[in-house]
Amino acid sequence: MTTAENVVRIEAEALRRLADRIAGPMAADFDRALQLILCCAGRVVVTGMGKSGLIGRKLAATFASTGTPALYLHPAEALHGDLGMVMRGDLVLALSASGETVEILELLPTIKRLGVPLVSLTGDCLHPTNGHPPSSLAAAADVALDCSIHKEACSLGLAPTASTTTMLALGDALAVALSELRGFRAEDFADLHPGGKLGKRLARVSQLMHTGESIPRVTAATPMSEVIYEMSRKGLGITAITQGDTLLGIISDGDLRRQLERLGKDVLDLTASQCMTSNPRTIRAEAFAAQALDLMEQKKITSLMVTDASNNLQGVVHLHDLWGTQLV
């Protein structure tokens, strides 16, 4: 077995043991921690020193992005003024492999004075069956969650490896379980991720659609010569036919070609209502860009009219508008 393979197998075994604890002896404590965080009126203040602190930063970000307000507090900086970031109504999630990190233990008097609930993630053995007393941090916590490991993946048994992997997974388990309890939806996730590639993939149709004067639109009585002019002027290869704001139908480049093949130049004697496709496929402004693309691919079309629940025209989204979302 190579060193690399051994590291992965040791960490995988640590995660298997953690899953067994969550399903078994730690189930009640895990549920209590969930309820404490769920009932928290303020924020989850995550703290940890060293490698645990690095995991803490990631967990704070994961909580915040999945609907649980959170921030990271460096314990050493907290001792020099940043402890003012902790307020009544918050909850402290403290990470420490040993449960004896001095900088975190020195925060406990203030945490207790504020009456802030404390949940600990420690690597010490917390259950009586293990034959070891809990650490100072675990003993002080309202709920102590056990992320202990059999051994580190480091060949020297010193570098935090399996321990940090386990701590990270336990924190992720809390964050994801909380998001489900809160009824956190894909729409909520999109609202919290407006930037970067992920934000672009979660863009709404309302952010991409053409509105106002940019919408190609004519009335039912508009002559086809003017329909063609409107389609050419707006450059989207389509026009809406409306009565007031109500969408009656559409005429696309494809519709126009088919009419020309059938009628030739006589098509110019017709009106928009005589050439339009009634009850066209539409989409809501609040839908995701990915949904618009999926619908375009299914129907082999390049544009969608955007309407509200009353079939009032709000905009039009074109395949070209989706290029910048990195969906196409």
C-alpha atoms as a PDB file:
ATOM      1  CA  MET A   1       0.000   0.000   0.000  1.00  0.00           C
ATOM      2  CA  THR A   2       1.410   3.405  -0.956  1.00  0.00           C
ATOM      3  CA  THR A   3       1.628   6.253   1.536  1.00  0.00           C
ATOM      4  CA  ALA A   4      -0.969   8.217  -0.401  1.00  0.00           C
ATOM      5  CA  GLU A   5      -3.413   5.311  -0.412  1.00  0.00           C
ATOM      6  CA  ASN A   6      -2.822   4.745   3.281  1.00  0.00           C
ATOM      7  CA  VAL A   7      -3.589   8.377   4.123  1.00  0.00           C
ATOM      8  CA  VAL A   8      -6.896   8.262   2.263  1.00  0.00           C
ATOM      9  CA  ARG A   9      -7.887   4.926   3.821  1.00  0.00           C
ATOM     10  CA  ILE A  10      -7.119   6.159   7.358  1.00  0.00           C
ATOM     11  CA  GLU A  11      -9.152   9.308   6.826  1.00  0.00           C
ATOM     12  CA  ALA A  12     -11.998   7.353   5.236  1.00  0.00           C
ATOM     13  CA  GLU A  13     -12.044   5.014   8.241  1.00  0.00           C
ATOM     14  CA  ALA A  14     -12.167   8.022  10.580  1.00  0.00           C
ATOM     15  CA  LEU A  15     -15.202   9.316   8.692  1.00  0.00           C
ATOM     16  CA  ARG A  16     -16.884   5.906   8.830  1.00  0.00           C
ATOM     17  CA  ARG A  17     -16.444   5.829  12.606  1.00  0.00           C
ATOM     18  CA  LEU A  18     -17.842   9.379  12.834  1.00  0.00           C
ATOM     19  CA  ALA A  19     -20.920   8.397  10.815  1.00  0.00           C
ATOM     20  CA  ASP A  20     -21.473   5.439  13.142  1.00  0.00           C
ATOM     21  CA  ARG A  21     -21.299   7.750  16.183  1.00  0.00           C
ATOM     22  CA  ILE A  22     -23.783  10.203  14.653  1.00  0.00           C
ATOM     23  CA  ALA A  23     -26.151   7.317  13.958  1.00  0.00           C
ATOM     24  CA  GLY A  24     -25.579   5.782  17.391  1.00  0.00           C
ATOM     25  CA  PRO A  25     -24.163   7.069  20.695  1.00  0.00           C
ATOM     26  CA  MET A  26     -23.868  10.704  19.572  1.00  0.00           C
ATOM     27  CA  ALA A  27     -27.301  10.946  17.914  1.00  0.00           C
ATOM     28  CA  ALA A  28     -29.015  12.671  20.847  1.00  0.00           C
ATOM     29  CA  ASP A  29     -26.167  15.180  21.316  1.00  0.00           C
ATOM     30  CA  PHE A  30     -26.114  15.937  17.592  1.00  0.00           C
ATOM     31  CA  ASP A  31     -29.864  16.624  17.628  1.00  0.00           C
ATOM     32  CA  ARG A  32     -29.489  18.861  20.696  1.00  0.00           C
ATOM     33  CA  ALA A  33     -26.771  20.845  18.941  1.00  0.00           C
ATOM     34  CA  LEU A  34     -29.040  21.257  15.899  1.00  0.00           C
ATOM     35  CA  GLN A  35     -31.881  22.545  18.032  1.00  0.00           C
ATOM     36  CA  LEU A  36     -29.641  24.974  19.911  1.00  0.00           C
ATOM     37  CA  ILE A  37     -28.361  26.461  16.651  1.00  0.00           C
ATOM     38  CA  LEU A  38     -31.812  26.448  15.058  1.00  0.00           C
ATOM     39  CA  CYS A  39     -33.233  28.406  18.012  1.00  0.00           C
ATOM     40  CA  CYS A  40     -30.308  30.832  18.055  1.00  0.00           C
ATOM     41  CA  ALA A  41     -31.638  34.366  17.506  1.00  0.00           C
ATOM     42  CA  GLY A  42     -28.182  35.710  16.625  1.00  0.00           C
ATOM     43  CA  ARG A  43     -25.210  34.247  14.806  1.00  0.00           C
ATOM     44  CA  VAL A  44     -23.096  31.149  15.107  1.00  0.00           C
ATOM     45  CA  VAL A  45     -19.671  32.387  16.221  1.00  0.00           C
ATOM     46  CA  VAL A  46     -17.132  29.752  15.180  1.00  0.00           C
ATOM     47  CA  THR A  47     -13.757  29.768  16.913  1.00  0.00           C
ATOM     48  CA  GLY A  48     -10.681  27.587  16.761  1.00  0.00           C
ATOM     49  CA  MET A  49      -6.903  27.894  16.911  1.00  0.00           C
ATOM     50  CA  GLY A  50      -4.309  26.655  14.421  1.00  0.00           C
ATOM     51  CA  LYS A  51      -5.522  23.939  12.056  1.00  0.00           C
ATOM     52  CA  SER A  52      -8.847  23.837  13.895  1.00  0.00           C
ATOM     53  CA  GLY A  53      -9.135  27.533  13.185  1.00  0.00           C
ATOM     54  CA  LEU A  54      -8.687  26.924   9.464  1.00  0.00           C
ATOM     55  CA  ILE A  55     -11.499  24.376   9.596  1.00  0.00           C
ATOM     56  CA  GLY A  56     -13.529  26.887  11.614  1.00  0.00           C
ATOM     57  CA  ARG A  57     -13.204  29.525   8.912  1.00  0.00           C
ATOM     58  CA  LYS A  58     -14.501  27.106   6.319  1.00  0.00           C
ATOM     59  CA  LEU A  59     -17.410  26.015   8.516  1.00  0.00           C
ATOM     60  CA  ALA A  60     -18.437  29.617   9.239  1.00  0.00           C
ATOM     61  CA  ALA A  61     -18.544  30.222   5.487  1.00  0.00           C
ATOM     62  CA  THR A  62     -20.567  27.038   4.924  1.00  0.00           C
ATOM     63  CA  PHE A  63     -23.089  27.941   7.634  1.00  0.00           C
ATOM     64  CA  ALA A  64     -23.512  31.445   6.221  1.00  0.00           C
ATOM     65  CA  SER A  65     -23.967  30.238   2.640  1.00  0.00           C
ATOM     66  CA  THR A  66     -26.610  27.666   3.605  1.00  0.00           C
ATOM     67  CA  GLY A  67     -28.892  29.937   5.613  1.00  0.00           C
ATOM     68  CA  THR A  68     -27.332  29.998   9.096  1.00  0.00           C
ATOM     69  CA  PRO A  69     -25.790  33.422   9.909  1.00  0.00           C
ATOM     70  CA  ALA A  70     -22.223  32.804  11.085  1.00  0.00           C
ATOM     71  CA  LEU A  71     -18.806  34.392  11.495  1.00  0.00           C
ATOM     72  CA  TYR A  72     -15.327  33.254  12.455  1.00  0.00           C
ATOM     73  CA  LEU A  73     -13.668  34.628  15.602  1.00  0.00           C
ATOM     74  CA  HIS A  74      -9.923  34.126  16.081  1.00  0.00           C
ATOM     75  CA  PRO A  75      -9.522  33.165  19.775  1.00  0.00           C
ATOM     76  CA  ALA A  76      -6.221  35.013  20.229  1.00  0.00           C
ATOM     77  CA  GLU A  77      -7.636  38.191  18.693  1.00  0.00           C
ATOM     78  CA  ALA A  78     -10.740  37.727  20.829  1.00  0.00           C
ATOM     79  CA  LEU A  79      -8.560  38.047  23.940  1.00  0.00           C
ATOM     80  CA  HIS A  80      -7.414  41.439  22.674  1.00  0.00           C
ATOM     81  CA  GLY A  81     -10.756  43.058  21.947  1.00  0.00           C
ATOM     82  CA  ASP A  82     -12.516  41.012  19.290  1.00  0.00           C
ATOM     83  CA  LEU A  83     -14.554  39.216  21.932  1.00  0.00           C
ATOM     84  CA  GLY A  84     -16.891  42.177  21.588  1.00  0.00           C
ATOM     85  CA  MET A  85     -18.112  40.467  18.418  1.00  0.00           C
ATOM     86  CA  VAL A  86     -19.965  37.946  20.612  1.00  0.00           C
ATOM     87  CA  MET A  87     -23.367  39.233  21.690  1.00  0.00           C
ATOM     88  CA  ARG A  88     -26.264  37.922  23.719  1.00  0.00           C
ATOM     89  CA  GLY A  89     -28.395  35.783  21.443  1.00  0.00           C
ATOM     90  CA  ASP A  90     -25.379  34.321  19.626  1.00  0.00           C
ATOM     91  CA  LEU A  91     -24.086  30.760  19.905  1.00  0.00           C
ATOM     92  CA  VAL A  92     -20.408  29.802  20.072  1.00  0.00           C
ATOM     93  CA  LEU A  93     -19.159  26.752  18.183  1.00  0.00           C
ATOM     94  CA  ALA A  94     -15.680  25.996  19.519  1.00  0.00           C
ATOM     95  CA  LEU A  95     -13.267  23.677  17.704  1.00  0.00           C
ATOM     96  CA  SER A  96     -10.300  22.097  19.458  1.00  0.00           C
ATOM     97  CA  ALA A  97      -8.704  18.719  18.776  1.00  0.00           C
ATOM     98  CA  SER A  98      -7.484  18.385  22.370  1.00  0.00           C
ATOM     99  CA  GLY A  99     -10.253  20.317  24.065  1.00  0.00           C
ATOM    100  CA  GLU A 100      -7.530  22.074  26.083  1.00  0.00           C
ATOM    101  CA  THR A 101      -6.603  24.961  23.762  1.00  0.00           C
ATOM    102  CA  VAL A 102      -5.624  27.721  26.180  1.00  0.00           C
ATOM    103  CA  GLU A 103      -6.833  30.619  24.042  1.00  0.00           C
ATOM    104  CA  ILE A 104     -10.316  29.086  23.809  1.00  0.00           C
ATOM    105  CA  LEU A 105     -10.504  28.172  27.480  1.00  0.00           C
ATOM    106  CA  GLU A 106      -9.753  31.785  28.367  1.00  0.00           C
ATOM    107  CA  LEU A 107     -12.878  32.839  26.454  1.00  0.00           C
ATOM    108  CA  LEU A 108     -15.163  30.639  28.539  1.00  0.00           C
ATOM    109  CA  PRO A 109     -15.787  33.079  31.460  1.00  0.00           C
ATOM    110  CA  THR A 110     -17.068  35.760  29.074  1.00  0.00           C
ATOM    111  CA  ILE A 111     -19.135  33.258  27.093  1.00  0.00           C
ATOM    112  CA  LYS A 112     -20.738  32.026  30.310  1.00  0.00           C
ATOM    113  CA  ARG A 113     -21.291  35.600  31.578  1.00  0.00           C
ATOM    114  CA  LEU A 114     -23.159  36.484  28.389  1.00  0.00           C
ATOM    115  CA  GLY A 115     -25.267  33.353  28.695  1.00  0.00           C
ATOM    116  CA  VAL A 116     -24.285  32.318  25.187  1.00  0.00           C
ATOM    117  CA  PRO A 117     -24.801  28.610  24.398  1.00  0.00           C
ATOM    118  CA  LEU A 118     -21.575  26.720  23.721  1.00  0.00           C
ATOM    119  CA  VAL A 119     -21.244  23.733  21.376  1.00  0.00           C
ATOM    120  CA  SER A 120     -17.834  22.078  21.187  1.00  0.00           C
ATOM    121  CA  LEU A 121     -16.245  19.898  18.517  1.00  0.00           C
ATOM    122  CA  THR A 122     -13.351  18.137  20.185  1.00  0.00           C
ATOM    123  CA  GLY A 123     -11.226  15.096  19.515  1.00  0.00           C
ATOM    124  CA  ASP A 124     -11.136  13.906  23.102  1.00  0.00           C
ATOM    125  CA  CYS A 125     -13.248  10.932  24.167  1.00  0.00           C
ATOM    126  CA  LEU A 126     -16.562  12.160  25.484  1.00  0.00           C
ATOM    127  CA  HIS A 127     -18.555   9.055  26.286  1.00  0.00           C
ATOM    128  CA  PRO A 128     -18.199   7.057  29.533  1.00  0.00           C
ATOM    129  CA  THR A 129     -17.714   3.835  27.562  1.00  0.00           C
ATOM    130  CA  ASN A 130     -14.367   5.186  26.381  1.00  0.00           C
ATOM    131  CA  GLY A 131     -13.030   5.255  29.919  1.00  0.00           C
ATOM    132  CA  HIS A 132     -11.700   8.825  29.700  1.00  0.00           C
ATOM    133  CA  PRO A 133     -13.068  11.995  31.308  1.00  0.00           C
ATOM    134  CA  PRO A 134     -14.064  14.816  28.944  1.00  0.00           C
ATOM    135  CA  SER A 135     -11.676  17.675  28.236  1.00  0.00           C
ATOM    136  CA  SER A 136     -12.075  21.088  29.849  1.00  0.00           C
ATOM    137  CA  LEU A 137     -13.818  22.475  26.763  1.00  0.00           C
ATOM    138  CA  ALA A 138     -16.158  19.506  26.422  1.00  0.00           C
ATOM    139  CA  ALA A 139     -17.037  19.688  30.111  1.00  0.00           C
ATOM    140  CA  ALA A 140     -17.895  23.387  29.824  1.00  0.00           C
ATOM    141  CA  ALA A 141     -20.018  22.990  26.676  1.00  0.00           C
ATOM    142  CA  ASP A 142     -23.795  22.819  26.631  1.00  0.00           C
ATOM    143  CA  VAL A 143     -23.367  20.149  23.963  1.00  0.00           C
ATOM    144  CA  ALA A 144     -20.071  18.362  23.285  1.00  0.00           C
ATOM    145  CA  LEU A 145     -19.724  16.594  19.926  1.00  0.00           C
ATOM    146  CA  ASP A 146     -17.087  13.903  19.574  1.00  0.00           C
ATOM    147  CA  CYS A 147     -14.839  14.027  16.496  1.00  0.00           C
ATOM    148  CA  SER A 148     -12.180  11.749  17.949  1.00  0.00           C
ATOM    149  CA  ILE A 149     -10.089   9.504  15.712  1.00  0.00           C
ATOM    150  CA  HIS A 150      -8.232   6.229  16.075  1.00  0.00           C
ATOM    151  CA  LYS A 151      -5.046   7.692  14.596  1.00  0.00           C
ATOM    152  CA  GLU A 152      -3.754  10.483  12.382  1.00  0.00           C
ATOM    153  CA  ALA A 153      -2.903   9.742   8.763  1.00  0.00           C
ATOM    154  CA  CYS A 154       0.496  11.387   9.242  1.00  0.00           C
ATOM    155  CA  SER A 155       3.207   8.703   9.439  1.00  0.00           C
ATOM    156  CA  LEU A 156       4.566  10.439  12.549  1.00  0.00           C
ATOM    157  CA  GLY A 157       1.121  10.630  14.096  1.00  0.00           C
ATOM    158  CA  LEU A 158       1.609  14.362  14.666  1.00  0.00           C
ATOM    159  CA  ALA A 159       0.254  16.474  11.786  1.00  0.00           C
ATOM    160  CA  PRO A 160      -3.507  17.060  11.987  1.00  0.00           C
ATOM    161  CA  THR A 161      -4.883  15.033   9.090  1.00  0.00           C
ATOM    162  CA  ALA A 162      -7.624  12.557   9.953  1.00  0.00           C
ATOM    163  CA  SER A 163      -8.594  14.779  12.892  1.00  0.00           C
ATOM    164  CA  THR A 164      -9.184  17.875  10.759  1.00  0.00           C
ATOM    165  CA  THR A 165     -10.994  15.840   8.110  1.00  0.00           C
ATOM    166  CA  THR A 166     -13.333  14.479  10.774  1.00  0.00           C
ATOM    167  CA  MET A 167     -13.888  17.912  12.318  1.00  0.00           C
ATOM    168  CA  LEU A 168     -14.710  19.356   8.906  1.00  0.00           C
ATOM    169  CA  ALA A 169     -17.169  16.573   8.107  1.00  0.00           C
ATOM    170  CA  LEU A 170     -18.920  16.938  11.466  1.00  0.00           C
ATOM    171  CA  GLY A 171     -19.295  20.682  10.924  1.00  0.00           C
ATOM    172  CA  ASP A 172     -20.599  20.122   7.398  1.00  0.00           C
ATOM    173  CA  ALA A 173     -23.108  17.615   8.771  1.00  0.00           C
ATOM    174  CA  LEU A 174     -24.418  20.284  11.143  1.00  0.00           C
ATOM    175  CA  ALA A 175     -24.630  22.924   8.408  1.00  0.00           C
ATOM    176  CA  VAL A 176     -26.450  20.713   5.907  1.00  0.00           C
ATOM    177  CA  ALA A 177     -28.856  19.293   8.490  1.00  0.00           C
ATOM    178  CA  LEU A 178     -29.651  22.860   9.603  1.00  0.00           C
ATOM    179  CA  SER A 179     -30.285  24.005   6.046  1.00  0.00           C
ATOM    180  CA  GLU A 180     -32.825  21.209   5.614  1.00  0.00           C
ATOM    181  CA  LEU A 181     -34.523  22.044   8.921  1.00  0.00           C
ATOM    182  CA  ARG A 182     -34.789  25.676   7.812  1.00  0.00           C
ATOM    183  CA  GLY A 183     -36.308  24.640   4.498  1.00  0.00           C
ATOM    184  CA  PHE A 184     -33.399  26.239   2.660  1.00  0.00           C
ATOM    185  CA  ARG A 185     -34.080  26.132  -1.102  1.00  0.00           C
ATOM    186  CA  ALA A 186     -32.040  26.397  -4.258  1.00  0.00           C
ATOM    187  CA  GLU A 187     -33.556  29.863  -4.708  1.00  0.00           C
ATOM    188  CA  ASP A 188     -32.186  30.920  -1.308  1.00  0.00           C
ATOM    189  CA  PHE A 189     -28.770  29.517  -2.196  1.00  0.00           C
ATOM    190  CA  ALA A 190     -28.776  31.505  -5.431  1.00  0.00           C
ATOM    191  CA  ASP A 191     -29.605  34.726  -3.582  1.00  0.00           C
ATOM    192  CA  LEU A 192     -26.533  34.250  -1.374  1.00  0.00           C
ATOM    193  CA  HIS A 193     -24.191  33.487  -4.310  1.00  0.00           C
ATOM    194  CA  PRO A 194     -24.543  36.381  -6.777  1.00  0.00           C
ATOM    195  CA  GLY A 195     -20.885  36.441  -7.842  1.00  0.00           C
ATOM    196  CA  GLY A 196     -18.389  34.136  -9.519  1.00  0.00           C
ATOM    197  CA  LYS A 197     -19.086  31.121 -11.687  1.00  0.00           C
ATOM    198  CA  LEU A 198     -21.617  29.674  -9.256  1.00  0.00           C
ATOM    199  CA  GLY A 199     -23.526  32.948  -9.155  1.00  0.00           C
ATOM    200  CA  LYS A 200     -23.645  33.074 -12.935  1.00  0.00           C
ATOM    201  CA  ARG A 201     -24.980  29.527 -13.129  1.00  0.00           C
ATOM    202  CA  LEU A 202     -27.676  30.468 -10.615  1.00  0.00           C
ATOM    203  CA  ALA A 203     -28.621  33.710 -12.379  1.00  0.00           C
ATOM    204  CA  ARG A 204     -32.335  34.436 -12.709  1.00  0.00           C
ATOM    205  CA  VAL A 205     -34.117  35.070 -15.975  1.00  0.00           C
ATOM    206  CA  SER A 206     -35.013  38.525 -14.608  1.00  0.00           C
ATOM    207  CA  GLN A 207     -31.298  39.412 -14.565  1.00  0.00           C
ATOM    208  CA  LEU A 208     -30.804  38.474 -18.215  1.00  0.00           C
ATOM    209  CA  MET A 209     -34.018  39.292 -20.048  1.00  0.00           C
ATOM    210  CA  HIS A 210     -34.621  42.226 -22.399  1.00  0.00           C
ATOM    211  CA  THR A 211     -37.251  44.614 -21.050  1.00  0.00           C
ATOM    212  CA  GLY A 212     -39.055  47.828 -21.972  1.00  0.00           C
ATOM    213  CA  GLU A 213     -38.280  49.197 -25.411  1.00  0.00           C
ATOM    214  CA  SER A 214     -35.859  46.332 -26.058  1.00  0.00           C
ATOM    215  CA  ILE A 215     -38.741  43.877 -26.329  1.00  0.00           C
ATOM    216  CA  PRO A 216     -39.818  43.255 -29.936  1.00  0.00           C
ATOM    217  CA  ARG A 217     -43.599  43.551 -29.904  1.00  0.00           C
ATOM    218  CA  VAL A 218     -46.473  44.322 -32.289  1.00  0.00           C
ATOM    219  CA  THR A 219     -50.260  44.173 -32.161  1.00  0.00           C
ATOM    220  CA  ALA A 220     -52.465  41.550 -33.776  1.00  0.00           C
ATOM    221  CA  ALA A 221     -53.418  43.966 -36.558  1.00  0.00           C
ATOM    222  CA  THR A 222     -49.839  44.929 -37.472  1.00  0.00           C
ATOM    223  CA  PRO A 223     -49.074  44.253 -41.177  1.00  0.00           C
ATOM    224  CA  MET A 224     -46.394  41.651 -41.773  1.00  0.00           C
ATOM    225  CA  SER A 225     -44.153  44.228 -43.449  1.00  0.00           C
ATOM    226  CA  GLU A 226     -43.988  46.083 -40.129  1.00  0.00           C
ATOM    227  CA  VAL A 227     -43.585  42.811 -38.214  1.00  0.00           C
ATOM    228  CA  ILE A 228     -40.489  41.995 -40.265  1.00  0.00           C
ATOM    229  CA  TYR A 229     -39.139  45.497 -39.627  1.00  0.00           C
ATOM    230  CA  GLU A 230     -39.668  45.134 -35.855  1.00  0.00           C
ATOM    231  CA  MET A 231     -37.948  41.736 -35.799  1.00  0.00           C
ATOM    232  CA  SER A 232     -34.993  43.107 -37.750  1.00  0.00           C
ATOM    233  CA  ARG A 233     -34.744  46.271 -35.651  1.00  0.00           C
ATOM    234  CA  LYS A 234     -34.686  44.464 -32.293  1.00  0.00           C
ATOM    235  CA  GLY A 235     -32.361  41.719 -33.542  1.00  0.00           C
ATOM    236  CA  LEU A 236     -33.684  38.818 -31.473  1.00  0.00           C
ATOM    237  CA  GLY A 237     -35.191  36.784 -34.293  1.00  0.00           C
ATOM    238  CA  ILE A 238     -38.635  36.945 -32.728  1.00  0.00           C
ATOM    239  CA  THR A 239     -41.451  39.308 -31.866  1.00  0.00           C
ATOM    240  CA  ALA A 240     -44.312  39.176 -29.416  1.00  0.00           C
ATOM    241  CA  ILE A 241     -47.893  39.866 -30.429  1.00  0.00           C
ATOM    242  CA  THR A 242     -49.717  41.591 -27.601  1.00  0.00           C
ATOM    243  CA  GLN A 243     -53.025  43.162 -26.710  1.00  0.00           C
ATOM    244  CA  GLY A 244     -52.106  45.747 -24.156  1.00  0.00           C
ATOM    245  CA  ASP A 245     -49.623  43.835 -21.992  1.00  0.00           C
ATOM    246  CA  THR A 246     -51.249  40.434 -22.590  1.00  0.00           C
ATOM    247  CA  LEU A 247     -49.218  38.038 -24.724  1.00  0.00           C
ATOM    248  CA  LEU A 248     -51.312  36.633 -27.586  1.00  0.00           C
ATOM    249  CA  GLY A 249     -48.595  34.843 -29.529  1.00  0.00           C
ATOM    250  CA  ILE A 250     -45.205  35.076 -31.203  1.00  0.00           C
ATOM    251  CA  ILE A 251     -43.694  35.168 -34.656  1.00  0.00           C
ATOM    252  CA  SER A 252     -40.168  33.779 -34.984  1.00  0.00           C
ATOM    253  CA  ASP A 253     -37.710  33.691 -37.850  1.00  0.00           C
ATOM    254  CA  GLY A 254     -38.773  30.086 -38.387  1.00  0.00           C
ATOM    255  CA  ASP A 255     -42.456  31.042 -38.547  1.00  0.00           C
ATOM    256  CA  LEU A 256     -41.638  33.723 -41.109  1.00  0.00           C
ATOM    257  CA  ARG A 257     -39.619  31.333 -43.309  1.00  0.00           C
ATOM    258  CA  ARG A 258     -42.407  28.775 -43.304  1.00  0.00           C
ATOM    259  CA  GLN A 259     -44.970  31.409 -44.298  1.00  0.00           C
ATOM    260  CA  LEU A 260     -42.724  32.643 -47.122  1.00  0.00           C
ATOM    261  CA  GLU A 261     -42.296  29.079 -48.414  1.00  0.00           C
ATOM    262  CA  ARG A 262     -46.068  28.598 -48.354  1.00  0.00           C
ATOM    263  CA  LEU A 263     -47.296  31.983 -49.627  1.00  0.00           C
ATOM    264  CA  GLY A 264     -44.305  33.750 -51.118  1.00  0.00           C
ATOM    265  CA  LYS A 265     -44.613  37.532 -51.272  1.00  0.00           C
ATOM    266  CA  ASP A 266     -48.340  37.270 -50.468  1.00  0.00           C
ATOM    267  CA  VAL A 267     -47.339  36.902 -46.839  1.00  0.00           C
ATOM    268  CA  LEU A 268     -46.913  40.689 -46.805  1.00  0.00           C
ATOM    269  CA  ASP A 269     -50.669  41.033 -47.255  1.00  0.00           C
ATOM    270  CA  LEU A 270     -51.310  39.279 -43.939  1.00  0.00           C
ATOM    271  CA  THR A 271     -51.404  40.632 -40.382  1.00  0.00           C
ATOM    272  CA  ALA A 272     -49.475  39.430 -37.351  1.00  0.00           C
ATOM    273  CA  SER A 273     -52.476  37.544 -35.967  1.00  0.00           C
ATOM    274  CA  GLN A 274     -52.707  35.479 -39.174  1.00  0.00           C
ATOM    275  CA  CYS A 275     -49.079  34.326 -38.930  1.00  0.00           C
ATOM    276  CA  MET A 276     -48.455  34.052 -35.205  1.00  0.00           C
ATOM    277  CA  THR A 277     -48.027  30.961 -33.069  1.00  0.00           C
ATOM    278  CA  SER A 278     -50.656  31.154 -30.322  1.00  0.00           C
ATOM    279  CA  ASN A 279     -50.014  30.014 -26.737  1.00  0.00           C
ATOM    280  CA  PRO A 280     -46.217  30.004 -27.101  1.00  0.00           C
ATOM    281  CA  ARG A 281     -43.879  28.483 -24.547  1.00  0.00           C
ATOM    282  CA  THR A 282     -43.047  31.060 -21.849  1.00  0.00           C
ATOM    283  CA  ILE A 283     -41.043  31.286 -18.629  1.00  0.00           C
ATOM    284  CA  ARG A 284     -41.289  33.256 -15.386  1.00  0.00           C
ATOM    285  CA  ALA A 285     -38.862  36.054 -14.518  1.00  0.00           C
ATOM    286  CA  GLU A 286     -37.935  34.355 -11.228  1.00  0.00           C
ATOM    287  CA  ALA A 287     -36.875  31.110 -12.935  1.00  0.00           C
ATOM    288  CA  PHE A 288     -33.200  30.179 -13.114  1.00  0.00           C
ATOM    289  CA  ALA A 289     -31.241  30.772 -16.309  1.00  0.00           C
ATOM    290  CA  ALA A 290     -30.508  27.028 -16.333  1.00  0.00           C
ATOM    291  CA  GLN A 291     -34.246  26.333 -16.561  1.00  0.00           C
ATOM    292  CA  ALA A 292     -34.550  28.696 -19.530  1.00  0.00           C
ATOM    293  CA  LEU A 293     -31.690  26.939 -21.294  1.00  0.00           C
ATOM    294  CA  ASP A 294     -33.166  23.512 -20.605  1.00  0.00           C
ATOM    295  CA  LEU A 295     -36.512  24.614 -22.054  1.00  0.00           C
ATOM    296  CA  MET A 296     -34.839  26.072 -25.157  1.00  0.00           C
ATOM    297  CA  GLU A 297     -32.946  22.826 -25.722  1.00  0.00           C
ATOM    298  CA  GLN A 298     -36.075  20.697 -25.278  1.00  0.00           C
ATOM    299  CA  LYS A 299     -38.135  22.782 -27.715  1.00  0.00           C
ATOM    300  CA  LYS A 300     -35.215  23.581 -30.065  1.00  0.00           C
ATOM    301  CA  ILE A 301     -35.876  27.312 -29.869  1.00  0.00           C
ATOM    302  CA  THR A 302     -33.604  30.303 -29.269  1.00  0.00           C
ATOM    303  CA  SER A 303     -35.917  32.721 -27.430  1.00  0.00           C
ATOM    304  CA  LEU A 304     -38.493  32.633 -24.669  1.00  0.00           C
ATOM    305  CA  MET A 305     -41.088  35.225 -23.766  1.00  0.00           C
ATOM    306  CA  VAL A 306     -41.123  36.063 -20.061  1.00  0.00           C
ATOM    307  CA  THR A 307     -44.587  36.473 -18.569  1.00  0.00           C
ATOM    308  CA  ASP A 308     -46.195  36.775 -15.150  1.00  0.00           C
ATOM    309  CA  ALA A 309     -48.967  34.595 -13.731  1.00  0.00           C
ATOM    310  CA  SER A 310     -51.566  36.634 -15.649  1.00  0.00           C
ATOM    311  CA  ASN A 311     -49.763  36.107 -18.986  1.00  0.00           C
ATOM    312  CA  ASN A 312     -48.624  39.725 -19.082  1.00  0.00           C
ATOM    313  CA  LEU A 313     -45.432  40.197 -21.084  1.00  0.00           C
ATOM    314  CA  GLN A 314     -42.451  41.187 -18.924  1.00  0.00           C
ATOM    315  CA  GLY A 315     -39.490  40.534 -21.199  1.00  0.00           C
ATOM    316  CA  VAL A 316     -37.758  38.191 -23.591  1.00  0.00           C
ATOM    317  CA  VAL A 317     -34.647  36.066 -23.014  1.00  0.00           C
ATOM    318  CA  HIS A 318     -32.466  34.880 -25.917  1.00  0.00           C
ATOM    319  CA  LEU A 319     -29.957  32.057 -26.118  1.00  0.00           C
ATOM    320  CA  HIS A 320     -27.214  34.641 -26.625  1.00  0.00           C
ATOM    321  CA  ASP A 321     -28.066  36.140 -23.229  1.00  0.00           C
ATOM    322  CA  LEU A 322     -27.110  32.852 -21.591  1.00  0.00           C
ATOM    323  CA  TRP A 323     -23.581  32.749 -23.015  1.00  0.00           C
ATOM    324  CA  GLY A 324     -22.168  34.883 -20.220  1.00  0.00           C
ATOM    325  CA  THR A 325     -23.614  32.558 -17.559  1.00  0.00           C
ATOM    326  CA  GLN A 326     -21.171  29.779 -18.567  1.00  0.00           C
ATOM    327  CA  LEU A 327     -24.185  27.522 -19.142  1.00  0.00           C
ATOM    328  CA  VAL A 328     -23.468  27.335 -22.874  1.00  0.00           C
END
